[in-house]
Amino acid sequence: MKKILIIQDINEKGKQLLTNHSDYEFEVIDDVNNPELKNKIVDCDGASLRTGKLPGEIINLGKKLKIISRHGVGYDNIDLETCKKNGIEIAITATANAVAVAEHVMFMLLNISKRKNMYDDCVKNGNFTDRNKLPKTQEIWGKNILIAGFGRIGQSLIKRCLGFEMNVFVYDPFVSSKKIESLGGKKVEGFKDSVKIMDALSLHIPLNDETKNMINYDLLKTMKKNCIIINAARGGIINENDLDKALNDNLIFGAGLDVFETEPPKNDNPLLKNDKVFLSPHTAAFTEECMIRMAKETTQNIIDFFENKLDKSKIVKL
């Protein structure tokens, strides 16, 4: 009997997959800060994890632990070095969230470009006759968008951008021009040079030493004043203080953030009071449909691992 610890609860349909297998039993612990986590992880063979941080000191307690299955695609909330040292595999839900995140990017892009909050407030506050005094919105038709990172989410996003007749450019050193062109995009080689001609930028890259603070004030100074930046990848890729300053200095049009360097963001984060930023609480994948898909893929990855049939594309290389 394999013991599975579900760290932070998931949709019932994901847990049902484990219930349907007589070889598995599971327990749910809602909070990574629950002191019981240290006791529960000792005897488990596998674990699932959502957005909470799982430090090395906790992972080391799992002497039987063989796999951690992420409910999502990012894994910077797991101590990778400890996993590597202990021979623990990490799996991700590689196929579940692409559509939801791509739709969320378009949702943010359209809300920002059409000044949703300002126009909505105008009507609701009884200021309908002030409509000619409002700042104008902007179209996304015919505009240049750079998709940085061309995995499943980027490839899902390009279809939606092309549906709005945008000109799509892609920055991803690991994807061929042929692949990008076959999906209707154009590959760019230099990130810093290419952002200078973009009207929109959507980030879909991991957070690492190379990408941390990749979007900073010096780069923002080179961008078009009508540019919109969307980050539904990882906090820390954008320097948040620099972004706030750039928006206040009218260097770019606006920004949409689903992720933050510190989550939840601290109360003194200046972006919380900046009306040029559209924010969501790391919920780009929180559609009803996606939560079911991710829960099922999370537990299926655990089952597949122990049955030696886990797709290699879902395993993180440590």
C-alpha atoms as a PDB file:
ATOM      1  CA  MET A   1       0.000   0.000   0.000  1.00  0.00           C
ATOM      2  CA  LYS A   2       1.475   3.334  -1.112  1.00  0.00           C
ATOM      3  CA  LYS A   3       0.838   6.291   1.181  1.00  0.00           C
ATOM      4  CA  ILE A   4       0.265   9.585  -0.615  1.00  0.00           C
ATOM      5  CA  LEU A   5       0.256  12.941   1.168  1.00  0.00           C
ATOM      6  CA  ILE A   6      -1.769  15.648  -0.559  1.00  0.00           C
ATOM      7  CA  ILE A   7      -0.237  18.902   0.616  1.00  0.00           C
ATOM      8  CA  GLN A   8      -2.884  21.592   0.042  1.00  0.00           C
ATOM      9  CA  ASP A   9      -6.194  20.121  -1.039  1.00  0.00           C
ATOM     10  CA  ILE A  10      -7.090  19.428  -4.673  1.00  0.00           C
ATOM     11  CA  ASN A  11     -10.294  18.823  -6.609  1.00  0.00           C
ATOM     12  CA  GLU A  12     -12.225  15.704  -5.623  1.00  0.00           C
ATOM     13  CA  LYS A  13     -11.817  14.161  -9.076  1.00  0.00           C
ATOM     14  CA  GLY A  14      -8.072  14.035  -8.572  1.00  0.00           C
ATOM     15  CA  LYS A  15      -8.420  12.296  -5.233  1.00  0.00           C
ATOM     16  CA  GLN A  16     -10.939   9.894  -6.771  1.00  0.00           C
ATOM     17  CA  LEU A  17      -8.190   8.444  -8.966  1.00  0.00           C
ATOM     18  CA  LEU A  18      -6.351   7.367  -5.833  1.00  0.00           C
ATOM     19  CA  THR A  19      -9.535   6.090  -4.207  1.00  0.00           C
ATOM     20  CA  ASN A  20     -10.174   3.896  -7.258  1.00  0.00           C
ATOM     21  CA  HIS A  21      -6.788   2.172  -6.827  1.00  0.00           C
ATOM     22  CA  SER A  22      -6.630  -0.345  -4.002  1.00  0.00           C
ATOM     23  CA  ASP A  23      -2.835   0.051  -3.892  1.00  0.00           C
ATOM     24  CA  TYR A  24      -3.045   3.639  -2.647  1.00  0.00           C
ATOM     25  CA  GLU A  25      -4.232   5.496   0.410  1.00  0.00           C
ATOM     26  CA  PHE A  26      -4.019   9.235   0.867  1.00  0.00           C
ATOM     27  CA  GLU A  27      -4.300  11.946   3.459  1.00  0.00           C
ATOM     28  CA  VAL A  28      -4.829  15.663   2.970  1.00  0.00           C
ATOM     29  CA  ILE A  29      -3.003  18.344   4.890  1.00  0.00           C
ATOM     30  CA  ASP A  30      -4.327  21.778   3.987  1.00  0.00           C
ATOM     31  CA  ASP A  31      -1.454  24.050   4.943  1.00  0.00           C
ATOM     32  CA  VAL A  32       2.300  23.704   4.427  1.00  0.00           C
ATOM     33  CA  ASN A  33       2.723  25.575   7.724  1.00  0.00           C
ATOM     34  CA  ASN A  34       0.741  22.959   9.642  1.00  0.00           C
ATOM     35  CA  PRO A  35       3.108  21.428  12.255  1.00  0.00           C
ATOM     36  CA  GLU A  36       1.589  18.027  11.451  1.00  0.00           C
ATOM     37  CA  LEU A  37       3.276  18.116   8.033  1.00  0.00           C
ATOM     38  CA  LYS A  38       6.573  17.070   9.622  1.00  0.00           C
ATOM     39  CA  ASN A  39       4.947  13.976  11.089  1.00  0.00           C
ATOM     40  CA  LYS A  40       2.826  13.070   8.076  1.00  0.00           C
ATOM     41  CA  ILE A  41       5.621  13.250   5.508  1.00  0.00           C
ATOM     42  CA  VAL A  42       7.753  10.673   7.346  1.00  0.00           C
ATOM     43  CA  ASP A  43       5.766   7.638   6.167  1.00  0.00           C
ATOM     44  CA  CYS A  44       4.568   8.808   2.744  1.00  0.00           C
ATOM     45  CA  ASP A  45       5.788   7.315  -0.522  1.00  0.00           C
ATOM     46  CA  GLY A  46       4.598  10.204  -2.667  1.00  0.00           C
ATOM     47  CA  ALA A  47       3.256  13.723  -2.218  1.00  0.00           C
ATOM     48  CA  SER A  48       1.434  16.349  -4.195  1.00  0.00           C
ATOM     49  CA  LEU A  49       2.020  20.074  -3.748  1.00  0.00           C
ATOM     50  CA  ARG A  50       0.308  23.227  -4.919  1.00  0.00           C
ATOM     51  CA  THR A  51       1.830  26.684  -4.367  1.00  0.00           C
ATOM     52  CA  GLY A  52       3.238  26.363  -0.847  1.00  0.00           C
ATOM     53  CA  LYS A  53       6.987  26.205  -0.306  1.00  0.00           C
ATOM     54  CA  LEU A  54       8.467  22.821   0.571  1.00  0.00           C
ATOM     55  CA  PRO A  55      11.907  23.386   2.115  1.00  0.00           C
ATOM     56  CA  GLY A  56      14.741  20.883   2.333  1.00  0.00           C
ATOM     57  CA  GLU A  57      14.305  20.362   6.068  1.00  0.00           C
ATOM     58  CA  ILE A  58      10.793  19.022   5.467  1.00  0.00           C
ATOM     59  CA  ILE A  59      11.755  16.941   2.417  1.00  0.00           C
ATOM     60  CA  ASN A  60      14.599  15.317   4.361  1.00  0.00           C
ATOM     61  CA  LEU A  61      12.063  13.920   6.822  1.00  0.00           C
ATOM     62  CA  GLY A  62      10.427  11.906   4.057  1.00  0.00           C
ATOM     63  CA  LYS A  63      12.735   8.895   4.189  1.00  0.00           C
ATOM     64  CA  LYS A  64      10.372   6.856   1.971  1.00  0.00           C
ATOM     65  CA  LEU A  65       9.488   9.765  -0.329  1.00  0.00           C
ATOM     66  CA  LYS A  66      10.055   8.959  -4.005  1.00  0.00           C
ATOM     67  CA  ILE A  67       8.028  11.552  -5.921  1.00  0.00           C
ATOM     68  CA  ILE A  68       6.594  15.048  -5.469  1.00  0.00           C
ATOM     69  CA  SER A  69       3.876  15.818  -8.001  1.00  0.00           C
ATOM     70  CA  ARG A  70       3.300  19.531  -8.576  1.00  0.00           C
ATOM     71  CA  HIS A  71      -0.236  20.790  -9.095  1.00  0.00           C
ATOM     72  CA  GLY A  72       1.023  23.147 -11.820  1.00  0.00           C
ATOM     73  CA  VAL A  73       4.064  23.633 -14.026  1.00  0.00           C
ATOM     74  CA  GLY A  74       6.401  25.732 -11.866  1.00  0.00           C
ATOM     75  CA  TYR A  75       8.627  24.098  -9.278  1.00  0.00           C
ATOM     76  CA  ASP A  76      10.651  26.906  -7.706  1.00  0.00           C
ATOM     77  CA  ASN A  77       8.687  26.344  -4.477  1.00  0.00           C
ATOM     78  CA  ILE A  78      10.461  23.005  -3.978  1.00  0.00           C
ATOM     79  CA  ASP A  79      14.038  22.595  -2.700  1.00  0.00           C
ATOM     80  CA  LEU A  80      15.475  20.998  -5.827  1.00  0.00           C
ATOM     81  CA  GLU A  81      18.920  20.288  -4.410  1.00  0.00           C
ATOM     82  CA  THR A  82      17.470  18.255  -1.565  1.00  0.00           C
ATOM     83  CA  CYS A  83      15.284  16.310  -3.991  1.00  0.00           C
ATOM     84  CA  LYS A  84      18.276  15.593  -6.203  1.00  0.00           C
ATOM     85  CA  LYS A  85      20.394  14.489  -3.234  1.00  0.00           C
ATOM     86  CA  ASN A  86      17.637  12.186  -1.982  1.00  0.00           C
ATOM     87  CA  GLY A  87      16.755  10.762  -5.395  1.00  0.00           C
ATOM     88  CA  ILE A  88      13.234  12.199  -5.346  1.00  0.00           C
ATOM     89  CA  GLU A  89      11.556  12.808  -8.705  1.00  0.00           C
ATOM     90  CA  ILE A  90       9.496  15.934  -9.365  1.00  0.00           C
ATOM     91  CA  ALA A  91       6.593  15.789 -11.816  1.00  0.00           C
ATOM     92  CA  ILE A  92       4.519  18.637 -13.234  1.00  0.00           C
ATOM     93  CA  THR A  93       1.055  18.899 -14.754  1.00  0.00           C
ATOM     94  CA  ALA A  94       2.469  19.706 -18.158  1.00  0.00           C
ATOM     95  CA  THR A  95      -0.729  19.427 -20.171  1.00  0.00           C
ATOM     96  CA  ALA A  96      -3.450  20.763 -17.870  1.00  0.00           C
ATOM     97  CA  ASN A  97      -3.199  24.546 -17.592  1.00  0.00           C
ATOM     98  CA  ALA A  98      -2.126  25.896 -20.991  1.00  0.00           C
ATOM     99  CA  VAL A  99      -5.583  26.993 -22.161  1.00  0.00           C
ATOM    100  CA  ALA A 100      -6.562  28.592 -18.852  1.00  0.00           C
ATOM    101  CA  VAL A 101      -3.345  30.616 -18.566  1.00  0.00           C
ATOM    102  CA  ALA A 102      -3.437  31.674 -22.232  1.00  0.00           C
ATOM    103  CA  GLU A 103      -7.015  32.896 -21.789  1.00  0.00           C
ATOM    104  CA  HIS A 104      -5.994  34.772 -18.638  1.00  0.00           C
ATOM    105  CA  VAL A 105      -3.242  36.563 -20.541  1.00  0.00           C
ATOM    106  CA  MET A 106      -5.763  37.696 -23.162  1.00  0.00           C
ATOM    107  CA  PHE A 107      -8.174  38.699 -20.384  1.00  0.00           C
ATOM    108  CA  MET A 108      -5.501  40.927 -18.858  1.00  0.00           C
ATOM    109  CA  LEU A 109      -4.302  42.301 -22.177  1.00  0.00           C
ATOM    110  CA  LEU A 110      -7.822  43.326 -23.213  1.00  0.00           C
ATOM    111  CA  ASN A 111      -8.754  44.747 -19.811  1.00  0.00           C
ATOM    112  CA  ILE A 112      -5.649  46.920 -19.737  1.00  0.00           C
ATOM    113  CA  SER A 113      -5.801  48.081 -23.344  1.00  0.00           C
ATOM    114  CA  LYS A 114      -9.514  48.956 -23.000  1.00  0.00           C
ATOM    115  CA  ARG A 115      -9.015  50.623 -19.581  1.00  0.00           C
ATOM    116  CA  LYS A 116     -11.699  48.395 -18.094  1.00  0.00           C
ATOM    117  CA  ASN A 117     -11.630  49.735 -14.537  1.00  0.00           C
ATOM    118  CA  MET A 118     -11.742  53.378 -15.556  1.00  0.00           C
ATOM    119  CA  TYR A 119     -14.591  52.958 -18.043  1.00  0.00           C
ATOM    120  CA  ASP A 120     -16.590  50.655 -15.787  1.00  0.00           C
ATOM    121  CA  ASP A 121     -16.253  53.046 -12.846  1.00  0.00           C
ATOM    122  CA  CYS A 122     -17.327  55.967 -15.025  1.00  0.00           C
ATOM    123  CA  VAL A 123     -20.743  54.420 -15.647  1.00  0.00           C
ATOM    124  CA  LYS A 124     -21.242  52.917 -12.186  1.00  0.00           C
ATOM    125  CA  ASN A 125     -20.348  56.198 -10.483  1.00  0.00           C
ATOM    126  CA  GLY A 126     -22.929  58.137 -12.479  1.00  0.00           C
ATOM    127  CA  ASN A 127     -20.406  59.925 -14.698  1.00  0.00           C
ATOM    128  CA  PHE A 128     -21.659  58.652 -18.066  1.00  0.00           C
ATOM    129  CA  THR A 129     -21.596  62.133 -19.607  1.00  0.00           C
ATOM    130  CA  ASP A 130     -17.868  62.381 -18.874  1.00  0.00           C
ATOM    131  CA  ARG A 131     -17.144  59.730 -21.508  1.00  0.00           C
ATOM    132  CA  ASN A 132     -15.521  62.191 -23.914  1.00  0.00           C
ATOM    133  CA  LYS A 133     -13.112  63.269 -21.171  1.00  0.00           C
ATOM    134  CA  LEU A 134     -11.772  59.770 -20.583  1.00  0.00           C
ATOM    135  CA  PRO A 135      -8.332  58.789 -21.878  1.00  0.00           C
ATOM    136  CA  LYS A 136      -8.644  56.809 -25.089  1.00  0.00           C
ATOM    137  CA  THR A 137      -8.235  53.051 -25.192  1.00  0.00           C
ATOM    138  CA  GLN A 138      -6.055  51.198 -27.680  1.00  0.00           C
ATOM    139  CA  GLU A 139      -6.587  48.321 -30.077  1.00  0.00           C
ATOM    140  CA  ILE A 140      -4.564  45.128 -30.101  1.00  0.00           C
ATOM    141  CA  TRP A 141      -5.358  44.486 -33.784  1.00  0.00           C
ATOM    142  CA  GLY A 142      -2.228  44.649 -35.914  1.00  0.00           C
ATOM    143  CA  LYS A 143       0.027  45.158 -32.898  1.00  0.00           C
ATOM    144  CA  ASN A 144       3.314  43.362 -32.182  1.00  0.00           C
ATOM    145  CA  ILE A 145       3.384  40.955 -29.262  1.00  0.00           C
ATOM    146  CA  LEU A 146       6.423  39.084 -27.991  1.00  0.00           C
ATOM    147  CA  ILE A 147       5.819  35.738 -26.310  1.00  0.00           C
ATOM    148  CA  ALA A 148       8.865  35.002 -24.161  1.00  0.00           C
ATOM    149  CA  GLY A 149       8.928  31.250 -23.620  1.00  0.00           C
ATOM    150  CA  PHE A 150       7.237  28.927 -26.085  1.00  0.00           C
ATOM    151  CA  GLY A 151       6.165  25.862 -24.162  1.00  0.00           C
ATOM    152  CA  ARG A 152       2.588  24.629 -24.070  1.00  0.00           C
ATOM    153  CA  ILE A 153       1.246  27.907 -22.664  1.00  0.00           C
ATOM    154  CA  GLY A 154       3.064  30.017 -25.235  1.00  0.00           C
ATOM    155  CA  GLN A 155       1.842  27.752 -28.014  1.00  0.00           C
ATOM    156  CA  SER A 156      -1.706  28.037 -26.730  1.00  0.00           C
ATOM    157  CA  LEU A 157      -1.392  31.816 -26.468  1.00  0.00           C
ATOM    158  CA  ILE A 158      -0.183  32.286 -30.042  1.00  0.00           C
ATOM    159  CA  LYS A 159      -3.464  30.890 -31.405  1.00  0.00           C
ATOM    160  CA  ARG A 160      -5.445  33.458 -29.463  1.00  0.00           C
ATOM    161  CA  CYS A 161      -3.171  36.339 -30.473  1.00  0.00           C
ATOM    162  CA  LEU A 162      -3.470  35.374 -34.131  1.00  0.00           C
ATOM    163  CA  GLY A 163      -7.241  35.286 -33.689  1.00  0.00           C
ATOM    164  CA  PHE A 164      -7.010  38.997 -32.851  1.00  0.00           C
ATOM    165  CA  GLU A 165      -4.780  39.490 -35.916  1.00  0.00           C
ATOM    166  CA  MET A 166      -1.718  40.435 -33.890  1.00  0.00           C
ATOM    167  CA  ASN A 167       1.828  40.072 -35.203  1.00  0.00           C
ATOM    168  CA  VAL A 168       3.369  37.410 -32.999  1.00  0.00           C
ATOM    169  CA  PHE A 169       7.090  37.195 -32.245  1.00  0.00           C
ATOM    170  CA  VAL A 170       8.613  34.488 -30.069  1.00  0.00           C
ATOM    171  CA  TYR A 171      11.731  34.470 -27.938  1.00  0.00           C
ATOM    172  CA  ASP A 172      12.808  30.972 -26.932  1.00  0.00           C
ATOM    173  CA  PRO A 173      16.387  29.772 -27.547  1.00  0.00           C
ATOM    174  CA  PHE A 174      15.254  26.161 -27.227  1.00  0.00           C
ATOM    175  CA  VAL A 175      12.547  26.184 -29.910  1.00  0.00           C
ATOM    176  CA  SER A 176      13.360  26.149 -33.623  1.00  0.00           C
ATOM    177  CA  SER A 177      12.311  28.793 -36.125  1.00  0.00           C
ATOM    178  CA  LYS A 178      10.563  26.066 -38.096  1.00  0.00           C
ATOM    179  CA  LYS A 179       8.347  25.150 -35.142  1.00  0.00           C
ATOM    180  CA  ILE A 180       7.500  28.774 -34.394  1.00  0.00           C
ATOM    181  CA  GLU A 181       6.784  29.627 -38.019  1.00  0.00           C
ATOM    182  CA  SER A 182       4.585  26.559 -38.416  1.00  0.00           C
ATOM    183  CA  LEU A 183       2.319  28.028 -35.726  1.00  0.00           C
ATOM    184  CA  GLY A 184       2.233  31.488 -37.273  1.00  0.00           C
ATOM    185  CA  GLY A 185       4.953  33.276 -35.332  1.00  0.00           C
ATOM    186  CA  LYS A 186       8.388  34.704 -36.038  1.00  0.00           C
ATOM    187  CA  LYS A 187      11.428  33.746 -33.962  1.00  0.00           C
ATOM    188  CA  VAL A 188      13.621  36.508 -32.532  1.00  0.00           C
ATOM    189  CA  GLU A 189      17.158  35.899 -31.296  1.00  0.00           C
ATOM    190  CA  GLY A 190      17.831  38.849 -29.011  1.00  0.00           C
ATOM    191  CA  PHE A 191      15.367  39.563 -26.208  1.00  0.00           C
ATOM    192  CA  LYS A 192      16.586  43.063 -25.288  1.00  0.00           C
ATOM    193  CA  ASP A 193      16.615  44.294 -28.864  1.00  0.00           C
ATOM    194  CA  SER A 194      13.278  42.773 -29.814  1.00  0.00           C
ATOM    195  CA  VAL A 195      11.304  44.293 -26.918  1.00  0.00           C
ATOM    196  CA  LYS A 196      12.027  47.746 -28.323  1.00  0.00           C
ATOM    197  CA  ILE A 197       9.504  47.262 -31.156  1.00  0.00           C
ATOM    198  CA  MET A 198       6.799  45.447 -29.178  1.00  0.00           C
ATOM    199  CA  ASP A 199       3.356  46.714 -28.223  1.00  0.00           C
ATOM    200  CA  ALA A 200       2.877  43.826 -25.801  1.00  0.00           C
ATOM    201  CA  LEU A 201       5.068  41.341 -23.956  1.00  0.00           C
ATOM    202  CA  SER A 202       3.876  38.130 -22.317  1.00  0.00           C
ATOM    203  CA  LEU A 203       6.264  36.227 -20.062  1.00  0.00           C
ATOM    204  CA  HIS A 204       6.244  32.411 -19.919  1.00  0.00           C
ATOM    205  CA  ILE A 205       9.736  31.616 -18.702  1.00  0.00           C
ATOM    206  CA  PRO A 206      11.043  30.047 -15.468  1.00  0.00           C
ATOM    207  CA  LEU A 207      12.575  32.036 -12.635  1.00  0.00           C
ATOM    208  CA  ASN A 208      16.291  31.407 -12.332  1.00  0.00           C
ATOM    209  CA  ASP A 209      19.554  33.317 -11.968  1.00  0.00           C
ATOM    210  CA  GLU A 210      19.400  34.437 -15.600  1.00  0.00           C
ATOM    211  CA  THR A 211      15.786  35.615 -15.580  1.00  0.00           C
ATOM    212  CA  LYS A 212      15.571  37.230 -12.133  1.00  0.00           C
ATOM    213  CA  ASN A 213      14.943  40.976 -12.568  1.00  0.00           C
ATOM    214  CA  MET A 214      15.080  40.413 -16.333  1.00  0.00           C
ATOM    215  CA  ILE A 215      12.530  43.218 -16.698  1.00  0.00           C
ATOM    216  CA  ASN A 216      14.153  46.208 -14.998  1.00  0.00           C
ATOM    217  CA  TYR A 217      14.097  49.984 -15.349  1.00  0.00           C
ATOM    218  CA  ASP A 218      16.956  50.092 -17.867  1.00  0.00           C
ATOM    219  CA  LEU A 219      15.053  47.705 -20.148  1.00  0.00           C
ATOM    220  CA  LEU A 220      11.706  49.423 -19.581  1.00  0.00           C
ATOM    221  CA  LYS A 221      13.255  52.722 -20.724  1.00  0.00           C
ATOM    222  CA  THR A 222      13.840  51.185 -24.160  1.00  0.00           C
ATOM    223  CA  MET A 223      10.258  50.031 -24.685  1.00  0.00           C
ATOM    224  CA  LYS A 224       7.390  51.721 -26.523  1.00  0.00           C
ATOM    225  CA  LYS A 225       5.145  53.983 -24.462  1.00  0.00           C
ATOM    226  CA  ASN A 226       2.069  52.022 -25.529  1.00  0.00           C
ATOM    227  CA  CYS A 227       3.533  48.654 -24.479  1.00  0.00           C
ATOM    228  CA  ILE A 228       1.668  46.335 -22.100  1.00  0.00           C
ATOM    229  CA  ILE A 229       3.555  43.699 -20.077  1.00  0.00           C
ATOM    230  CA  ILE A 230       1.837  40.568 -18.788  1.00  0.00           C
ATOM    231  CA  ASN A 231       3.463  38.213 -16.294  1.00  0.00           C
ATOM    232  CA  ALA A 232       1.620  34.952 -15.622  1.00  0.00           C
ATOM    233  CA  ALA A 233       4.848  32.989 -15.165  1.00  0.00           C
ATOM    234  CA  ARG A 234       6.808  33.636 -11.973  1.00  0.00           C
ATOM    235  CA  GLY A 235       7.275  36.614  -9.693  1.00  0.00           C
ATOM    236  CA  GLY A 236      10.818  37.948  -9.594  1.00  0.00           C
ATOM    237  CA  ILE A 237      11.246  38.043 -13.369  1.00  0.00           C
ATOM    238  CA  ILE A 238      10.030  41.636 -13.173  1.00  0.00           C
ATOM    239  CA  ASN A 239      11.649  44.037 -10.718  1.00  0.00           C
ATOM    240  CA  GLU A 240       8.446  45.337  -9.123  1.00  0.00           C
ATOM    241  CA  ASN A 241       9.856  48.650  -7.863  1.00  0.00           C
ATOM    242  CA  ASP A 242      11.310  49.350 -11.305  1.00  0.00           C
ATOM    243  CA  LEU A 243       7.981  48.521 -12.935  1.00  0.00           C
ATOM    244  CA  ASP A 244       6.137  50.898 -10.615  1.00  0.00           C
ATOM    245  CA  LYS A 245       8.599  53.689 -11.409  1.00  0.00           C
ATOM    246  CA  ALA A 246       8.366  53.018 -15.155  1.00  0.00           C
ATOM    247  CA  LEU A 247       4.572  53.175 -15.056  1.00  0.00           C
ATOM    248  CA  ASN A 248       4.626  56.395 -13.050  1.00  0.00           C
ATOM    249  CA  ASP A 249       7.138  57.845 -15.517  1.00  0.00           C
ATOM    250  CA  ASN A 250       4.812  56.878 -18.408  1.00  0.00           C
ATOM    251  CA  LEU A 251       7.463  54.688 -20.003  1.00  0.00           C
ATOM    252  CA  ILE A 252       4.885  51.976 -20.806  1.00  0.00           C
ATOM    253  CA  PHE A 253       1.075  51.839 -21.025  1.00  0.00           C
ATOM    254  CA  GLY A 254       0.300  49.247 -18.360  1.00  0.00           C
ATOM    255  CA  ALA A 255       1.018  45.862 -16.849  1.00  0.00           C
ATOM    256  CA  GLY A 256      -0.859  42.756 -15.774  1.00  0.00           C
ATOM    257  CA  LEU A 257       0.560  40.603 -12.974  1.00  0.00           C
ATOM    258  CA  ASP A 258      -0.727  37.254 -11.791  1.00  0.00           C
ATOM    259  CA  VAL A 259       2.482  36.495  -9.887  1.00  0.00           C
ATOM    260  CA  PHE A 260       4.648  38.399  -7.434  1.00  0.00           C
ATOM    261  CA  GLU A 261       8.149  38.207  -6.013  1.00  0.00           C
ATOM    262  CA  THR A 262       6.644  37.696  -2.552  1.00  0.00           C
ATOM    263  CA  GLU A 263       3.264  35.992  -2.332  1.00  0.00           C
ATOM    264  CA  PRO A 264       1.068  37.357  -1.022  1.00  0.00           C
ATOM    265  CA  PRO A 265       2.601  40.746  -1.875  1.00  0.00           C
ATOM    266  CA  LYS A 266       3.526  42.903   1.092  1.00  0.00           C
ATOM    267  CA  ASN A 267       1.230  45.776   1.986  1.00  0.00           C
ATOM    268  CA  ASP A 268       3.937  48.295   1.087  1.00  0.00           C
ATOM    269  CA  ASN A 269       4.308  46.952  -2.459  1.00  0.00           C
ATOM    270  CA  PRO A 270       3.759  50.118  -4.557  1.00  0.00           C
ATOM    271  CA  LEU A 271       2.053  48.190  -7.359  1.00  0.00           C
ATOM    272  CA  LEU A 272      -0.949  47.573  -5.104  1.00  0.00           C
ATOM    273  CA  LYS A 273      -1.815  51.264  -5.381  1.00  0.00           C
ATOM    274  CA  ASN A 274      -0.848  51.788  -9.003  1.00  0.00           C
ATOM    275  CA  ASP A 275      -3.956  52.127 -11.188  1.00  0.00           C
ATOM    276  CA  LYS A 276      -1.969  51.231 -14.327  1.00  0.00           C
ATOM    277  CA  VAL A 277      -1.563  47.656 -13.094  1.00  0.00           C
ATOM    278  CA  PHE A 278      -4.162  44.914 -13.390  1.00  0.00           C
ATOM    279  CA  LEU A 279      -3.605  42.289 -10.696  1.00  0.00           C
ATOM    280  CA  SER A 280      -4.812  38.777  -9.910  1.00  0.00           C
ATOM    281  CA  PRO A 281      -3.735  36.540  -6.980  1.00  0.00           C
ATOM    282  CA  HIS A 282      -1.779  33.817  -8.845  1.00  0.00           C
ATOM    283  CA  THR A 283      -5.023  32.441 -10.238  1.00  0.00           C
ATOM    284  CA  ALA A 284      -4.437  32.326 -13.994  1.00  0.00           C
ATOM    285  CA  ALA A 285      -5.136  28.592 -13.992  1.00  0.00           C
ATOM    286  CA  PHE A 286      -8.102  28.783 -11.605  1.00  0.00           C
ATOM    287  CA  THR A 287     -10.870  27.902 -14.029  1.00  0.00           C
ATOM    288  CA  GLU A 288     -13.293  25.175 -12.964  1.00  0.00           C
ATOM    289  CA  GLU A 289     -12.187  23.051 -15.887  1.00  0.00           C
ATOM    290  CA  CYS A 290      -8.474  23.550 -15.327  1.00  0.00           C
ATOM    291  CA  MET A 291      -8.621  22.759 -11.617  1.00  0.00           C
ATOM    292  CA  ILE A 292     -10.173  19.402 -12.465  1.00  0.00           C
ATOM    293  CA  ARG A 293      -7.573  18.714 -15.154  1.00  0.00           C
ATOM    294  CA  MET A 294      -4.687  19.660 -12.864  1.00  0.00           C
ATOM    295  CA  ALA A 295      -5.976  17.605  -9.937  1.00  0.00           C
ATOM    296  CA  LYS A 296      -6.387  14.539 -12.124  1.00  0.00           C
ATOM    297  CA  GLU A 297      -3.008  14.953 -13.786  1.00  0.00           C
ATOM    298  CA  THR A 298      -1.315  15.553 -10.425  1.00  0.00           C
ATOM    299  CA  THR A 299      -2.482  12.251  -8.972  1.00  0.00           C
ATOM    300  CA  GLN A 300      -2.188  10.384 -12.266  1.00  0.00           C
ATOM    301  CA  ASN A 301       1.470  11.391 -12.381  1.00  0.00           C
ATOM    302  CA  ILE A 302       1.979   9.729  -8.995  1.00  0.00           C
ATOM    303  CA  ILE A 303       0.218   6.571 -10.108  1.00  0.00           C
ATOM    304  CA  ASP A 304       2.144   6.491 -13.394  1.00  0.00           C
ATOM    305  CA  PHE A 305       5.417   6.963 -11.532  1.00  0.00           C
ATOM    306  CA  PHE A 306       4.902   3.926  -9.335  1.00  0.00           C
ATOM    307  CA  GLU A 307       3.731   1.926 -12.354  1.00  0.00           C
ATOM    308  CA  ASN A 308       6.884   2.960 -14.276  1.00  0.00           C
ATOM    309  CA  LYS A 309       4.977   4.672 -17.064  1.00  0.00           C
ATOM    310  CA  LEU A 310       5.286   8.363 -16.229  1.00  0.00           C
ATOM    311  CA  ASP A 311       5.820  10.433 -19.373  1.00  0.00           C
ATOM    312  CA  LYS A 312       9.398  11.765 -19.344  1.00  0.00           C
ATOM    313  CA  SER A 313       8.181  15.169 -20.539  1.00  0.00           C
ATOM    314  CA  LYS A 314       6.463  15.598 -17.174  1.00  0.00           C
ATOM    315  CA  ILE A 315       9.595  14.889 -15.130  1.00  0.00           C
ATOM    316  CA  VAL A 316      11.747  17.821 -14.029  1.00  0.00           C
ATOM    317  CA  LYS A 317      15.416  17.400 -14.862  1.00  0.00           C
ATOM    318  CA  LEU A 318      17.385  17.921 -11.662  1.00  0.00           C
END
